[in-house]
Amino acid sequence: MDKDSNHDYESLGANSTMAQNALAGAMAGIGEHCIMYPVDSIRTRMQVLTAPDINKVRNHASKIHKHGPRNLWRGVYSVIVGAGPAHAVHFATYEYCKEWLNNRLASNTKLRAHNSSFEISNQLIASGSAGAIATFAHDALMTPFDVIKQRMQLRDSAYRSVRECARKVYSTEGLKAFYISFPTTVSMSIPFQSVQFATYEFFRSRLDPEGSYNPKAHMIAGAIAGAVASSVTTPLDVIKTLLQTKGSSTDVQIKNANGLKEAASIIYNRYGLKGFFRGFKPRVLTNMPSTAISWSVYEYFKWFLASDVEDKFIDRI
């Protein structure tokens, strides 16, 4: 790719339309969530597990071996329906805010701790801030679908379809059940996405200084960003899972949990600090490839929709 093409691609955030960014984001979101869905189901089941259920899990593992892993896909239609619009808003908002912030921050803007050589550039400030704003918009749309997804991912879920799950949750628990975890979700997602976006932009710029369309750089930077972000936010993810699945729990204390503080107290009292890292490995194993897929798909469709390169289907890997 010549220098002009490199310049055009690097400027797509400004030159591409909101619709193009939204479409690229929608495709990225659907791909990210669907491909790694079975591992995400395992992560959910590990996080809601209670000590007396160990034997049930062993029995369940034998059922999966006997009947196939199909039940690990239960609830996937919920994320297909929700991830498209939510990620469309997410990436379109991110591109707009990042460009807006970059234009208003001086090129030499840097944050530096007192008596320290460590500094944060304006690029990371803009990326992290834009990621936080975009995340709030994304979670406002995605949280109800995530509640349905996790209810259906439960080992003993009685729901046969997304529609049935949504209808029964609404009739028995009301509208608030779909947003009971929203404060916790936002508390987790804003640092998660801020770390993810900033980490991605940092490693992408290091792996591909020219700013060209580089699938390998996007994939590697995305995987690193997913691993870092998911690692530091796992405790909040465990709390979110407890709140989103409490309506299906037979445990009275969990069923009556009403917020982040109460849910955190239950987890700590029962399992100690290690309880906040239940499902850590599946979470990281889910987020590394899914974030790599998300960024790769997003960058490809962003390039595809806005680039003037004639042959857009050349294998560039």
C-alpha atoms as a PDB file:
ATOM      1  CA  MET A   1       0.000   0.000   0.000  1.00  0.00           C
ATOM      2  CA  ASP A   2       1.405   3.383  -0.955  1.00  0.00           C
ATOM      3  CA  LYS A   3       1.831   6.361   1.312  1.00  0.00           C
ATOM      4  CA  ASP A   4      -1.369   8.046   0.112  1.00  0.00           C
ATOM      5  CA  SER A   5      -3.373   4.960   0.984  1.00  0.00           C
ATOM      6  CA  ASN A   6      -1.736   4.831   4.406  1.00  0.00           C
ATOM      7  CA  HIS A   7      -2.700   8.432   4.996  1.00  0.00           C
ATOM      8  CA  ASP A   8      -6.274   7.838   3.876  1.00  0.00           C
ATOM      9  CA  TYR A   9      -6.707   4.835   6.152  1.00  0.00           C
ATOM     10  CA  GLU A  10      -5.235   6.554   9.167  1.00  0.00           C
ATOM     11  CA  SER A  11      -7.706   9.412   8.675  1.00  0.00           C
ATOM     12  CA  LEU A  12     -10.809   7.258   8.308  1.00  0.00           C
ATOM     13  CA  GLY A  13     -12.121   8.239  11.712  1.00  0.00           C
ATOM     14  CA  ALA A  14     -12.591  11.757  10.375  1.00  0.00           C
ATOM     15  CA  ASN A  15     -13.383  11.004   6.724  1.00  0.00           C
ATOM     16  CA  SER A  16     -15.757   8.077   7.129  1.00  0.00           C
ATOM     17  CA  THR A  17     -19.379   8.778   7.979  1.00  0.00           C
ATOM     18  CA  MET A  18     -21.143   7.916  11.225  1.00  0.00           C
ATOM     19  CA  ALA A  19     -23.129   5.305   9.302  1.00  0.00           C
ATOM     20  CA  GLN A  20     -19.931   3.631   8.070  1.00  0.00           C
ATOM     21  CA  ASN A  21     -18.448   3.568  11.574  1.00  0.00           C
ATOM     22  CA  ALA A  22     -21.738   2.242  12.954  1.00  0.00           C
ATOM     23  CA  LEU A  23     -21.964  -0.547  10.356  1.00  0.00           C
ATOM     24  CA  ALA A  24     -18.344  -1.557  10.936  1.00  0.00           C
ATOM     25  CA  GLY A  25     -18.993  -1.575  14.684  1.00  0.00           C
ATOM     26  CA  ALA A  26     -22.138  -3.695  14.322  1.00  0.00           C
ATOM     27  CA  MET A  27     -20.291  -6.345  12.303  1.00  0.00           C
ATOM     28  CA  ALA A  28     -17.438  -6.313  14.838  1.00  0.00           C
ATOM     29  CA  GLY A  29     -19.811  -6.725  17.780  1.00  0.00           C
ATOM     30  CA  ILE A  30     -21.725  -9.642  16.311  1.00  0.00           C
ATOM     31  CA  GLY A  31     -18.512 -11.422  15.338  1.00  0.00           C
ATOM     32  CA  GLU A  32     -16.890 -10.800  18.717  1.00  0.00           C
ATOM     33  CA  HIS A  33     -19.773 -12.132  20.811  1.00  0.00           C
ATOM     34  CA  CYS A  34     -20.855 -15.072  18.677  1.00  0.00           C
ATOM     35  CA  ILE A  35     -17.512 -16.725  17.976  1.00  0.00           C
ATOM     36  CA  MET A  36     -16.513 -16.938  21.642  1.00  0.00           C
ATOM     37  CA  TYR A  37     -20.006 -17.525  23.041  1.00  0.00           C
ATOM     38  CA  PRO A  38     -19.465 -21.114  24.354  1.00  0.00           C
ATOM     39  CA  VAL A  39     -16.439 -20.025  26.415  1.00  0.00           C
ATOM     40  CA  ASP A  40     -18.463 -17.097  27.756  1.00  0.00           C
ATOM     41  CA  SER A  41     -21.173 -19.562  28.844  1.00  0.00           C
ATOM     42  CA  ILE A  42     -18.582 -21.542  30.810  1.00  0.00           C
ATOM     43  CA  ARG A  43     -17.369 -18.325  32.442  1.00  0.00           C
ATOM     44  CA  THR A  44     -20.924 -17.441  33.521  1.00  0.00           C
ATOM     45  CA  ARG A  45     -21.495 -20.883  35.041  1.00  0.00           C
ATOM     46  CA  MET A  46     -18.225 -20.744  36.950  1.00  0.00           C
ATOM     47  CA  GLN A  47     -19.067 -17.344  38.398  1.00  0.00           C
ATOM     48  CA  VAL A  48     -22.505 -18.324  39.716  1.00  0.00           C
ATOM     49  CA  LEU A  49     -21.286 -21.665  41.097  1.00  0.00           C
ATOM     50  CA  THR A  50     -21.776 -22.345  44.797  1.00  0.00           C
ATOM     51  CA  ALA A  51     -19.779 -24.873  46.792  1.00  0.00           C
ATOM     52  CA  PRO A  52     -22.566 -27.505  47.156  1.00  0.00           C
ATOM     53  CA  ASP A  53     -23.002 -27.590  43.385  1.00  0.00           C
ATOM     54  CA  ILE A  54     -19.642 -29.182  42.541  1.00  0.00           C
ATOM     55  CA  ASN A  55     -21.169 -32.621  41.978  1.00  0.00           C
ATOM     56  CA  LYS A  56     -23.870 -31.080  39.789  1.00  0.00           C
ATOM     57  CA  VAL A  57     -21.198 -29.524  37.605  1.00  0.00           C
ATOM     58  CA  ARG A  58     -19.491 -32.882  37.208  1.00  0.00           C
ATOM     59  CA  ASN A  59     -22.801 -34.432  36.201  1.00  0.00           C
ATOM     60  CA  HIS A  60     -23.415 -31.537  33.849  1.00  0.00           C
ATOM     61  CA  ALA A  61     -19.999 -32.017  32.248  1.00  0.00           C
ATOM     62  CA  SER A  62     -20.913 -35.635  31.504  1.00  0.00           C
ATOM     63  CA  LYS A  63     -24.197 -34.465  29.956  1.00  0.00           C
ATOM     64  CA  ILE A  64     -22.325 -32.100  27.649  1.00  0.00           C
ATOM     65  CA  HIS A  65     -20.067 -34.961  26.620  1.00  0.00           C
ATOM     66  CA  LYS A  66     -23.095 -37.168  26.004  1.00  0.00           C
ATOM     67  CA  HIS A  67     -25.439 -34.706  24.275  1.00  0.00           C
ATOM     68  CA  GLY A  68     -22.937 -32.351  22.708  1.00  0.00           C
ATOM     69  CA  PRO A  69     -22.046 -28.727  23.500  1.00  0.00           C
ATOM     70  CA  ARG A  70     -25.248 -27.298  22.002  1.00  0.00           C
ATOM     71  CA  ASN A  71     -26.517 -26.002  25.345  1.00  0.00           C
ATOM     72  CA  LEU A  72     -23.427 -23.779  25.581  1.00  0.00           C
ATOM     73  CA  TRP A  73     -25.018 -21.768  22.765  1.00  0.00           C
ATOM     74  CA  ARG A  74     -28.274 -21.076  24.620  1.00  0.00           C
ATOM     75  CA  GLY A  75     -29.070 -17.369  24.561  1.00  0.00           C
ATOM     76  CA  VAL A  76     -26.789 -16.553  21.624  1.00  0.00           C
ATOM     77  CA  TYR A  77     -29.675 -14.931  19.737  1.00  0.00           C
ATOM     78  CA  SER A  78     -29.924 -12.370  22.497  1.00  0.00           C
ATOM     79  CA  VAL A  79     -26.409 -11.095  21.817  1.00  0.00           C
ATOM     80  CA  ILE A  80     -26.963 -11.218  18.046  1.00  0.00           C
ATOM     81  CA  VAL A  81     -29.980  -8.937  18.409  1.00  0.00           C
ATOM     82  CA  GLY A  82     -28.359  -6.684  21.002  1.00  0.00           C
ATOM     83  CA  ALA A  83     -24.701  -6.606  19.964  1.00  0.00           C
ATOM     84  CA  GLY A  84     -25.312  -5.194  16.488  1.00  0.00           C
ATOM     85  CA  PRO A  85     -27.063  -1.948  17.529  1.00  0.00           C
ATOM     86  CA  ALA A  86     -25.054  -1.592  20.759  1.00  0.00           C
ATOM     87  CA  HIS A  87     -21.677  -1.918  19.027  1.00  0.00           C
ATOM     88  CA  ALA A  88     -22.825   0.289  16.175  1.00  0.00           C
ATOM     89  CA  VAL A  89     -23.489   3.059  18.697  1.00  0.00           C
ATOM     90  CA  HIS A  90     -20.296   2.161  20.566  1.00  0.00           C
ATOM     91  CA  PHE A  91     -17.831   2.483  17.696  1.00  0.00           C
ATOM     92  CA  ALA A  92     -19.599   5.422  16.018  1.00  0.00           C
ATOM     93  CA  THR A  93     -19.541   7.321  19.327  1.00  0.00           C
ATOM     94  CA  TYR A  94     -15.929   6.323  19.940  1.00  0.00           C
ATOM     95  CA  GLU A  95     -14.703   7.567  16.555  1.00  0.00           C
ATOM     96  CA  TYR A  96     -16.604  10.833  16.862  1.00  0.00           C
ATOM     97  CA  CYS A  97     -15.437  11.556  20.416  1.00  0.00           C
ATOM     98  CA  LYS A  98     -11.839  10.517  19.737  1.00  0.00           C
ATOM     99  CA  GLU A  99     -11.641  12.837  16.743  1.00  0.00           C
ATOM    100  CA  TRP A 100     -13.321  15.659  18.669  1.00  0.00           C
ATOM    101  CA  LEU A 101     -10.936  15.297  21.617  1.00  0.00           C
ATOM    102  CA  ASN A 102      -7.852  14.975  19.416  1.00  0.00           C
ATOM    103  CA  ASN A 103      -8.762  18.212  17.660  1.00  0.00           C
ATOM    104  CA  ARG A 104      -9.074  20.049  20.976  1.00  0.00           C
ATOM    105  CA  LEU A 105      -6.014  18.698  22.717  1.00  0.00           C
ATOM    106  CA  ALA A 106      -2.689  20.267  21.803  1.00  0.00           C
ATOM    107  CA  SER A 107      -0.376  17.857  19.990  1.00  0.00           C
ATOM    108  CA  ASN A 108       2.085  18.056  22.878  1.00  0.00           C
ATOM    109  CA  THR A 109      -0.510  17.546  25.643  1.00  0.00           C
ATOM    110  CA  LYS A 110       0.802  15.053  28.179  1.00  0.00           C
ATOM    111  CA  LEU A 111      -0.051  13.961  31.710  1.00  0.00           C
ATOM    112  CA  ARG A 112       2.922  13.283  33.961  1.00  0.00           C
ATOM    113  CA  ALA A 113       2.992  12.206  37.596  1.00  0.00           C
ATOM    114  CA  HIS A 114       4.956  14.444  39.959  1.00  0.00           C
ATOM    115  CA  ASN A 115       8.663  13.517  40.100  1.00  0.00           C
ATOM    116  CA  SER A 116       8.113  10.754  37.542  1.00  0.00           C
ATOM    117  CA  SER A 117       9.274  10.200  33.988  1.00  0.00           C
ATOM    118  CA  PHE A 118       6.075   8.295  33.140  1.00  0.00           C
ATOM    119  CA  GLU A 119       3.730  10.297  30.942  1.00  0.00           C
ATOM    120  CA  ILE A 120       0.492   9.774  29.018  1.00  0.00           C
ATOM    121  CA  SER A 121       0.202  11.283  25.548  1.00  0.00           C
ATOM    122  CA  ASN A 122      -2.789  13.157  24.162  1.00  0.00           C
ATOM    123  CA  GLN A 123      -3.561  10.133  21.952  1.00  0.00           C
ATOM    124  CA  LEU A 124      -4.065   7.893  24.984  1.00  0.00           C
ATOM    125  CA  ILE A 125      -6.054  10.596  26.804  1.00  0.00           C
ATOM    126  CA  ALA A 126      -8.374  11.011  23.827  1.00  0.00           C
ATOM    127  CA  SER A 127      -8.718   7.251  23.254  1.00  0.00           C
ATOM    128  CA  GLY A 128      -9.416   6.461  26.897  1.00  0.00           C
ATOM    129  CA  SER A 129     -11.922   9.292  27.314  1.00  0.00           C
ATOM    130  CA  ALA A 130     -13.718   8.474  24.067  1.00  0.00           C
ATOM    131  CA  GLY A 131     -13.860   4.826  25.101  1.00  0.00           C
ATOM    132  CA  ALA A 132     -15.522   5.745  28.407  1.00  0.00           C
ATOM    133  CA  ILE A 133     -18.187   7.897  26.714  1.00  0.00           C
ATOM    134  CA  ALA A 134     -18.887   5.266  24.071  1.00  0.00           C
ATOM    135  CA  THR A 135     -19.173   2.566  26.732  1.00  0.00           C
ATOM    136  CA  PHE A 136     -21.982   4.329  28.585  1.00  0.00           C
ATOM    137  CA  ALA A 137     -24.021   4.535  25.380  1.00  0.00           C
ATOM    138  CA  HIS A 138     -23.261   0.889  24.557  1.00  0.00           C
ATOM    139  CA  ASP A 139     -24.233  -0.432  28.003  1.00  0.00           C
ATOM    140  CA  ALA A 140     -27.509   1.471  28.049  1.00  0.00           C
ATOM    141  CA  LEU A 141     -28.551  -0.575  24.998  1.00  0.00           C
ATOM    142  CA  MET A 142     -26.811  -3.880  25.743  1.00  0.00           C
ATOM    143  CA  THR A 143     -27.496  -4.496  29.445  1.00  0.00           C
ATOM    144  CA  PRO A 144     -31.058  -5.909  29.032  1.00  0.00           C
ATOM    145  CA  PHE A 145     -29.828  -8.319  26.342  1.00  0.00           C
ATOM    146  CA  ASP A 146     -26.921  -9.317  28.577  1.00  0.00           C
ATOM    147  CA  VAL A 147     -29.326 -10.126  31.418  1.00  0.00           C
ATOM    148  CA  ILE A 148     -31.341 -12.402  29.113  1.00  0.00           C
ATOM    149  CA  LYS A 149     -28.155 -13.997  27.807  1.00  0.00           C
ATOM    150  CA  GLN A 150     -26.836 -14.867  31.247  1.00  0.00           C
ATOM    151  CA  ARG A 151     -30.196 -16.184  32.452  1.00  0.00           C
ATOM    152  CA  MET A 152     -30.178 -18.581  29.509  1.00  0.00           C
ATOM    153  CA  GLN A 153     -26.527 -19.513  29.994  1.00  0.00           C
ATOM    154  CA  LEU A 154     -27.199 -20.877  33.472  1.00  0.00           C
ATOM    155  CA  ARG A 155     -26.686 -24.601  33.820  1.00  0.00           C
ATOM    156  CA  ASP A 156     -30.287 -25.336  34.885  1.00  0.00           C
ATOM    157  CA  SER A 157     -31.989 -22.632  32.826  1.00  0.00           C
ATOM    158  CA  ALA A 158     -35.613 -23.516  32.053  1.00  0.00           C
ATOM    159  CA  TYR A 159     -35.995 -20.888  29.325  1.00  0.00           C
ATOM    160  CA  ARG A 160     -36.423 -22.295  25.834  1.00  0.00           C
ATOM    161  CA  SER A 161     -36.110 -19.059  23.866  1.00  0.00           C
ATOM    162  CA  VAL A 162     -34.972 -15.454  24.178  1.00  0.00           C
ATOM    163  CA  ARG A 163     -38.566 -14.238  23.882  1.00  0.00           C
ATOM    164  CA  GLU A 164     -39.778 -16.569  26.633  1.00  0.00           C
ATOM    165  CA  CYS A 165     -36.941 -15.520  28.918  1.00  0.00           C
ATOM    166  CA  ALA A 166     -37.605 -11.800  28.383  1.00  0.00           C
ATOM    167  CA  ARG A 167     -41.343 -12.227  28.922  1.00  0.00           C
ATOM    168  CA  LYS A 168     -41.013 -14.257  32.134  1.00  0.00           C
ATOM    169  CA  VAL A 169     -38.325 -12.027  33.646  1.00  0.00           C
ATOM    170  CA  TYR A 170     -40.477  -8.969  32.953  1.00  0.00           C
ATOM    171  CA  SER A 171     -43.683 -10.547  34.326  1.00  0.00           C
ATOM    172  CA  THR A 172     -42.085 -11.858  37.543  1.00  0.00           C
ATOM    173  CA  GLU A 173     -39.421  -9.254  38.312  1.00  0.00           C
ATOM    174  CA  GLY A 174     -40.467  -6.165  36.376  1.00  0.00           C
ATOM    175  CA  LEU A 175     -38.487  -3.803  34.158  1.00  0.00           C
ATOM    176  CA  LYS A 176     -35.892  -3.099  36.855  1.00  0.00           C
ATOM    177  CA  ALA A 177     -34.592  -6.681  36.517  1.00  0.00           C
ATOM    178  CA  PHE A 178     -33.128  -5.765  33.129  1.00  0.00           C
ATOM    179  CA  TYR A 179     -31.189  -2.846  34.634  1.00  0.00           C
ATOM    180  CA  ILE A 180     -30.441  -4.075  38.181  1.00  0.00           C
ATOM    181  CA  SER A 181     -26.785  -4.529  37.204  1.00  0.00           C
ATOM    182  CA  PHE A 182     -26.491  -1.359  35.101  1.00  0.00           C
ATOM    183  CA  PRO A 183     -24.532   0.689  37.703  1.00  0.00           C
ATOM    184  CA  THR A 184     -22.159  -2.255  38.211  1.00  0.00           C
ATOM    185  CA  THR A 185     -21.946  -2.863  34.462  1.00  0.00           C
ATOM    186  CA  VAL A 186     -21.012   0.763  33.818  1.00  0.00           C
ATOM    187  CA  SER A 187     -18.581   0.724  36.761  1.00  0.00           C
ATOM    188  CA  MET A 188     -16.875  -2.276  35.151  1.00  0.00           C
ATOM    189  CA  SER A 189     -17.243  -1.376  31.483  1.00  0.00           C
ATOM    190  CA  ILE A 190     -15.923   2.179  31.629  1.00  0.00           C
ATOM    191  CA  PRO A 191     -12.526   1.147  33.083  1.00  0.00           C
ATOM    192  CA  PHE A 192     -12.563  -1.991  30.917  1.00  0.00           C
ATOM    193  CA  GLN A 193     -13.192  -0.103  27.683  1.00  0.00           C
ATOM    194  CA  SER A 194     -10.964   2.829  28.609  1.00  0.00           C
ATOM    195  CA  VAL A 195      -8.078   0.434  29.307  1.00  0.00           C
ATOM    196  CA  GLN A 196      -8.930  -1.602  26.206  1.00  0.00           C
ATOM    197  CA  PHE A 197      -9.110   1.355  23.797  1.00  0.00           C
ATOM    198  CA  ALA A 198      -6.013   3.055  25.198  1.00  0.00           C
ATOM    199  CA  THR A 199      -4.037  -0.224  25.216  1.00  0.00           C
ATOM    200  CA  TYR A 200      -5.152  -1.051  21.699  1.00  0.00           C
ATOM    201  CA  GLU A 201      -4.216   2.372  20.331  1.00  0.00           C
ATOM    202  CA  PHE A 202      -0.851   2.238  22.104  1.00  0.00           C
ATOM    203  CA  PHE A 203       0.168  -1.191  20.786  1.00  0.00           C
ATOM    204  CA  ARG A 204      -1.307  -0.571  17.340  1.00  0.00           C
ATOM    205  CA  SER A 205       0.833   2.558  16.986  1.00  0.00           C
ATOM    206  CA  ARG A 206       3.903   0.607  18.140  1.00  0.00           C
ATOM    207  CA  LEU A 207       3.279  -2.398  15.890  1.00  0.00           C
ATOM    208  CA  ASP A 208       2.337  -0.283  12.878  1.00  0.00           C
ATOM    209  CA  PRO A 209       3.943   3.181  13.171  1.00  0.00           C
ATOM    210  CA  GLU A 210       2.935   4.050   9.599  1.00  0.00           C
ATOM    211  CA  GLY A 211      -0.753   3.713  10.438  1.00  0.00           C
ATOM    212  CA  SER A 212      -1.496   1.502   7.429  1.00  0.00           C
ATOM    213  CA  TYR A 213      -4.193  -1.175   7.220  1.00  0.00           C
ATOM    214  CA  ASN A 214      -2.353  -4.000   8.986  1.00  0.00           C
ATOM    215  CA  PRO A 215      -4.509  -7.000  10.071  1.00  0.00           C
ATOM    216  CA  LYS A 216      -1.678  -8.631  12.035  1.00  0.00           C
ATOM    217  CA  ALA A 217      -1.060  -5.480  14.059  1.00  0.00           C
ATOM    218  CA  HIS A 218      -4.800  -5.073  14.701  1.00  0.00           C
ATOM    219  CA  MET A 219      -5.127  -8.699  15.798  1.00  0.00           C
ATOM    220  CA  ILE A 220      -2.130  -8.645  18.163  1.00  0.00           C
ATOM    221  CA  ALA A 221      -2.960  -5.225  19.625  1.00  0.00           C
ATOM    222  CA  GLY A 222      -6.575  -6.316  20.120  1.00  0.00           C
ATOM    223  CA  ALA A 223      -5.585  -9.536  21.893  1.00  0.00           C
ATOM    224  CA  ILE A 224      -3.237  -7.682  24.266  1.00  0.00           C
ATOM    225  CA  ALA A 225      -5.885  -5.039  24.954  1.00  0.00           C
ATOM    226  CA  GLY A 226      -8.503  -7.701  25.709  1.00  0.00           C
ATOM    227  CA  ALA A 227      -6.211  -9.599  28.066  1.00  0.00           C
ATOM    228  CA  VAL A 228      -5.178  -6.507  30.028  1.00  0.00           C
ATOM    229  CA  ALA A 229      -8.675  -5.027  30.294  1.00  0.00           C
ATOM    230  CA  SER A 230     -10.399  -8.283  31.275  1.00  0.00           C
ATOM    231  CA  SER A 231      -7.769  -9.083  33.906  1.00  0.00           C
ATOM    232  CA  VAL A 232      -8.147  -5.854  35.863  1.00  0.00           C
ATOM    233  CA  THR A 233     -11.978  -5.826  35.771  1.00  0.00           C
ATOM    234  CA  THR A 234     -12.750  -9.473  36.657  1.00  0.00           C
ATOM    235  CA  PRO A 235     -13.899  -8.654  40.250  1.00  0.00           C
ATOM    236  CA  LEU A 236     -16.566  -6.287  38.925  1.00  0.00           C
ATOM    237  CA  ASP A 237     -17.602  -8.860  36.333  1.00  0.00           C
ATOM    238  CA  VAL A 238     -18.225 -11.438  39.086  1.00  0.00           C
ATOM    239  CA  ILE A 239     -20.423  -8.924  40.929  1.00  0.00           C
ATOM    240  CA  LYS A 240     -22.308  -8.096  37.727  1.00  0.00           C
ATOM    241  CA  THR A 241     -22.972 -11.780  37.036  1.00  0.00           C
ATOM    242  CA  LEU A 242     -24.375 -12.308  40.531  1.00  0.00           C
ATOM    243  CA  LEU A 243     -26.772  -9.372  40.118  1.00  0.00           C
ATOM    244  CA  GLN A 244     -27.878 -10.349  36.613  1.00  0.00           C
ATOM    245  CA  THR A 245     -28.613 -13.960  37.538  1.00  0.00           C
ATOM    246  CA  LYS A 246     -29.995 -13.473  41.057  1.00  0.00           C
ATOM    247  CA  GLY A 247     -33.581 -13.827  39.851  1.00  0.00           C
ATOM    248  CA  SER A 248     -32.870 -17.444  38.885  1.00  0.00           C
ATOM    249  CA  SER A 249     -31.086 -18.254  42.149  1.00  0.00           C
ATOM    250  CA  THR A 250     -32.613 -20.375  44.915  1.00  0.00           C
ATOM    251  CA  ASP A 251     -30.338 -18.731  47.471  1.00  0.00           C
ATOM    252  CA  VAL A 252     -32.453 -16.232  49.460  1.00  0.00           C
ATOM    253  CA  GLN A 253     -29.517 -13.935  50.262  1.00  0.00           C
ATOM    254  CA  ILE A 254     -28.432 -13.737  46.615  1.00  0.00           C
ATOM    255  CA  LYS A 255     -32.017 -13.331  45.425  1.00  0.00           C
ATOM    256  CA  ASN A 256     -32.445 -10.303  47.702  1.00  0.00           C
ATOM    257  CA  ALA A 257     -29.149  -8.605  46.780  1.00  0.00           C
ATOM    258  CA  ASN A 258     -29.922  -5.052  45.653  1.00  0.00           C
ATOM    259  CA  GLY A 259     -26.684  -3.508  44.498  1.00  0.00           C
ATOM    260  CA  LEU A 260     -22.935  -3.582  43.994  1.00  0.00           C
ATOM    261  CA  LYS A 261     -22.025  -3.218  47.681  1.00  0.00           C
ATOM    262  CA  GLU A 262     -24.387  -5.949  48.870  1.00  0.00           C
ATOM    263  CA  ALA A 263     -23.343  -8.353  46.105  1.00  0.00           C
ATOM    264  CA  ALA A 264     -19.654  -7.732  46.837  1.00  0.00           C
ATOM    265  CA  SER A 265     -20.281  -8.418  50.529  1.00  0.00           C
ATOM    266  CA  ILE A 266     -21.927 -11.770  49.743  1.00  0.00           C
ATOM    267  CA  ILE A 267     -19.020 -12.852  47.544  1.00  0.00           C
ATOM    268  CA  TYR A 268     -16.370 -11.788  50.062  1.00  0.00           C
ATOM    269  CA  ASN A 269     -18.110 -13.362  53.073  1.00  0.00           C
ATOM    270  CA  ARG A 270     -18.460 -16.702  51.302  1.00  0.00           C
ATOM    271  CA  TYR A 271     -15.245 -16.993  49.285  1.00  0.00           C
ATOM    272  CA  GLY A 272     -12.876 -14.246  50.424  1.00  0.00           C
ATOM    273  CA  LEU A 273     -10.833 -12.267  47.913  1.00  0.00           C
ATOM    274  CA  LYS A 274     -10.431 -15.263  45.615  1.00  0.00           C
ATOM    275  CA  GLY A 275     -14.189 -15.207  45.095  1.00  0.00           C
ATOM    276  CA  PHE A 276     -13.792 -12.052  43.015  1.00  0.00           C
ATOM    277  CA  PHE A 277     -11.668 -13.960  40.510  1.00  0.00           C
ATOM    278  CA  ARG A 278     -14.045 -16.837  39.843  1.00  0.00           C
ATOM    279  CA  GLY A 279     -14.056 -17.534  36.123  1.00  0.00           C
ATOM    280  CA  PHE A 280     -10.867 -15.512  35.625  1.00  0.00           C
ATOM    281  CA  LYS A 281      -9.306 -17.868  33.082  1.00  0.00           C
ATOM    282  CA  PRO A 282     -12.411 -18.290  30.892  1.00  0.00           C
ATOM    283  CA  ARG A 283     -12.940 -14.504  31.005  1.00  0.00           C
ATOM    284  CA  VAL A 284      -9.422 -13.774  29.771  1.00  0.00           C
ATOM    285  CA  LEU A 285      -9.596 -16.633  27.251  1.00  0.00           C
ATOM    286  CA  THR A 286     -12.881 -15.169  25.993  1.00  0.00           C
ATOM    287  CA  ASN A 287     -11.741 -11.559  25.819  1.00  0.00           C
ATOM    288  CA  MET A 288      -8.324 -12.056  24.199  1.00  0.00           C
ATOM    289  CA  PRO A 289      -9.623 -13.597  20.953  1.00  0.00           C
ATOM    290  CA  SER A 290     -12.975 -11.791  20.993  1.00  0.00           C
ATOM    291  CA  THR A 291     -11.308  -8.371  21.320  1.00  0.00           C
ATOM    292  CA  ALA A 292      -8.799  -9.313  18.625  1.00  0.00           C
ATOM    293  CA  ILE A 293     -11.693 -10.394  16.382  1.00  0.00           C
ATOM    294  CA  SER A 294     -13.693  -7.268  17.202  1.00  0.00           C
ATOM    295  CA  TRP A 295     -10.888  -4.858  16.328  1.00  0.00           C
ATOM    296  CA  SER A 296      -9.843  -6.827  13.244  1.00  0.00           C
ATOM    297  CA  VAL A 297     -13.388  -6.946  11.877  1.00  0.00           C
ATOM    298  CA  TYR A 298     -13.976  -3.304  12.759  1.00  0.00           C
ATOM    299  CA  GLU A 299     -10.760  -2.072  11.162  1.00  0.00           C
ATOM    300  CA  TYR A 300     -11.425  -4.155   8.048  1.00  0.00           C
ATOM    301  CA  PHE A 301     -14.969  -2.905   7.535  1.00  0.00           C
ATOM    302  CA  LYS A 302     -13.933   0.657   8.338  1.00  0.00           C
ATOM    303  CA  TRP A 303     -11.239   0.387   5.673  1.00  0.00           C
ATOM    304  CA  PHE A 304     -13.535  -1.458   3.264  1.00  0.00           C
ATOM    305  CA  LEU A 305     -16.366   1.081   3.523  1.00  0.00           C
ATOM    306  CA  ALA A 306     -14.232   4.199   3.274  1.00  0.00           C
ATOM    307  CA  SER A 307     -11.207   3.204   1.213  1.00  0.00           C
ATOM    308  CA  ASP A 308     -10.871   3.940  -2.493  1.00  0.00           C
ATOM    309  CA  VAL A 309      -8.617   0.926  -3.055  1.00  0.00           C
ATOM    310  CA  GLU A 310     -10.126  -1.024  -5.960  1.00  0.00           C
ATOM    311  CA  ASP A 311      -9.331  -4.572  -4.932  1.00  0.00           C
ATOM    312  CA  LYS A 312     -10.633  -4.746  -1.374  1.00  0.00           C
ATOM    313  CA  PHE A 313     -10.663  -8.517  -1.129  1.00  0.00           C
ATOM    314  CA  ILE A 314      -6.938  -9.124  -1.447  1.00  0.00           C
ATOM    315  CA  ASP A 315      -5.604 -11.288   1.353  1.00  0.00           C
ATOM    316  CA  ARG A 316      -3.445  -8.845   3.316  1.00  0.00           C
ATOM    317  CA  ILE A 317      -2.467 -11.104   6.159  1.00  0.00           C
END
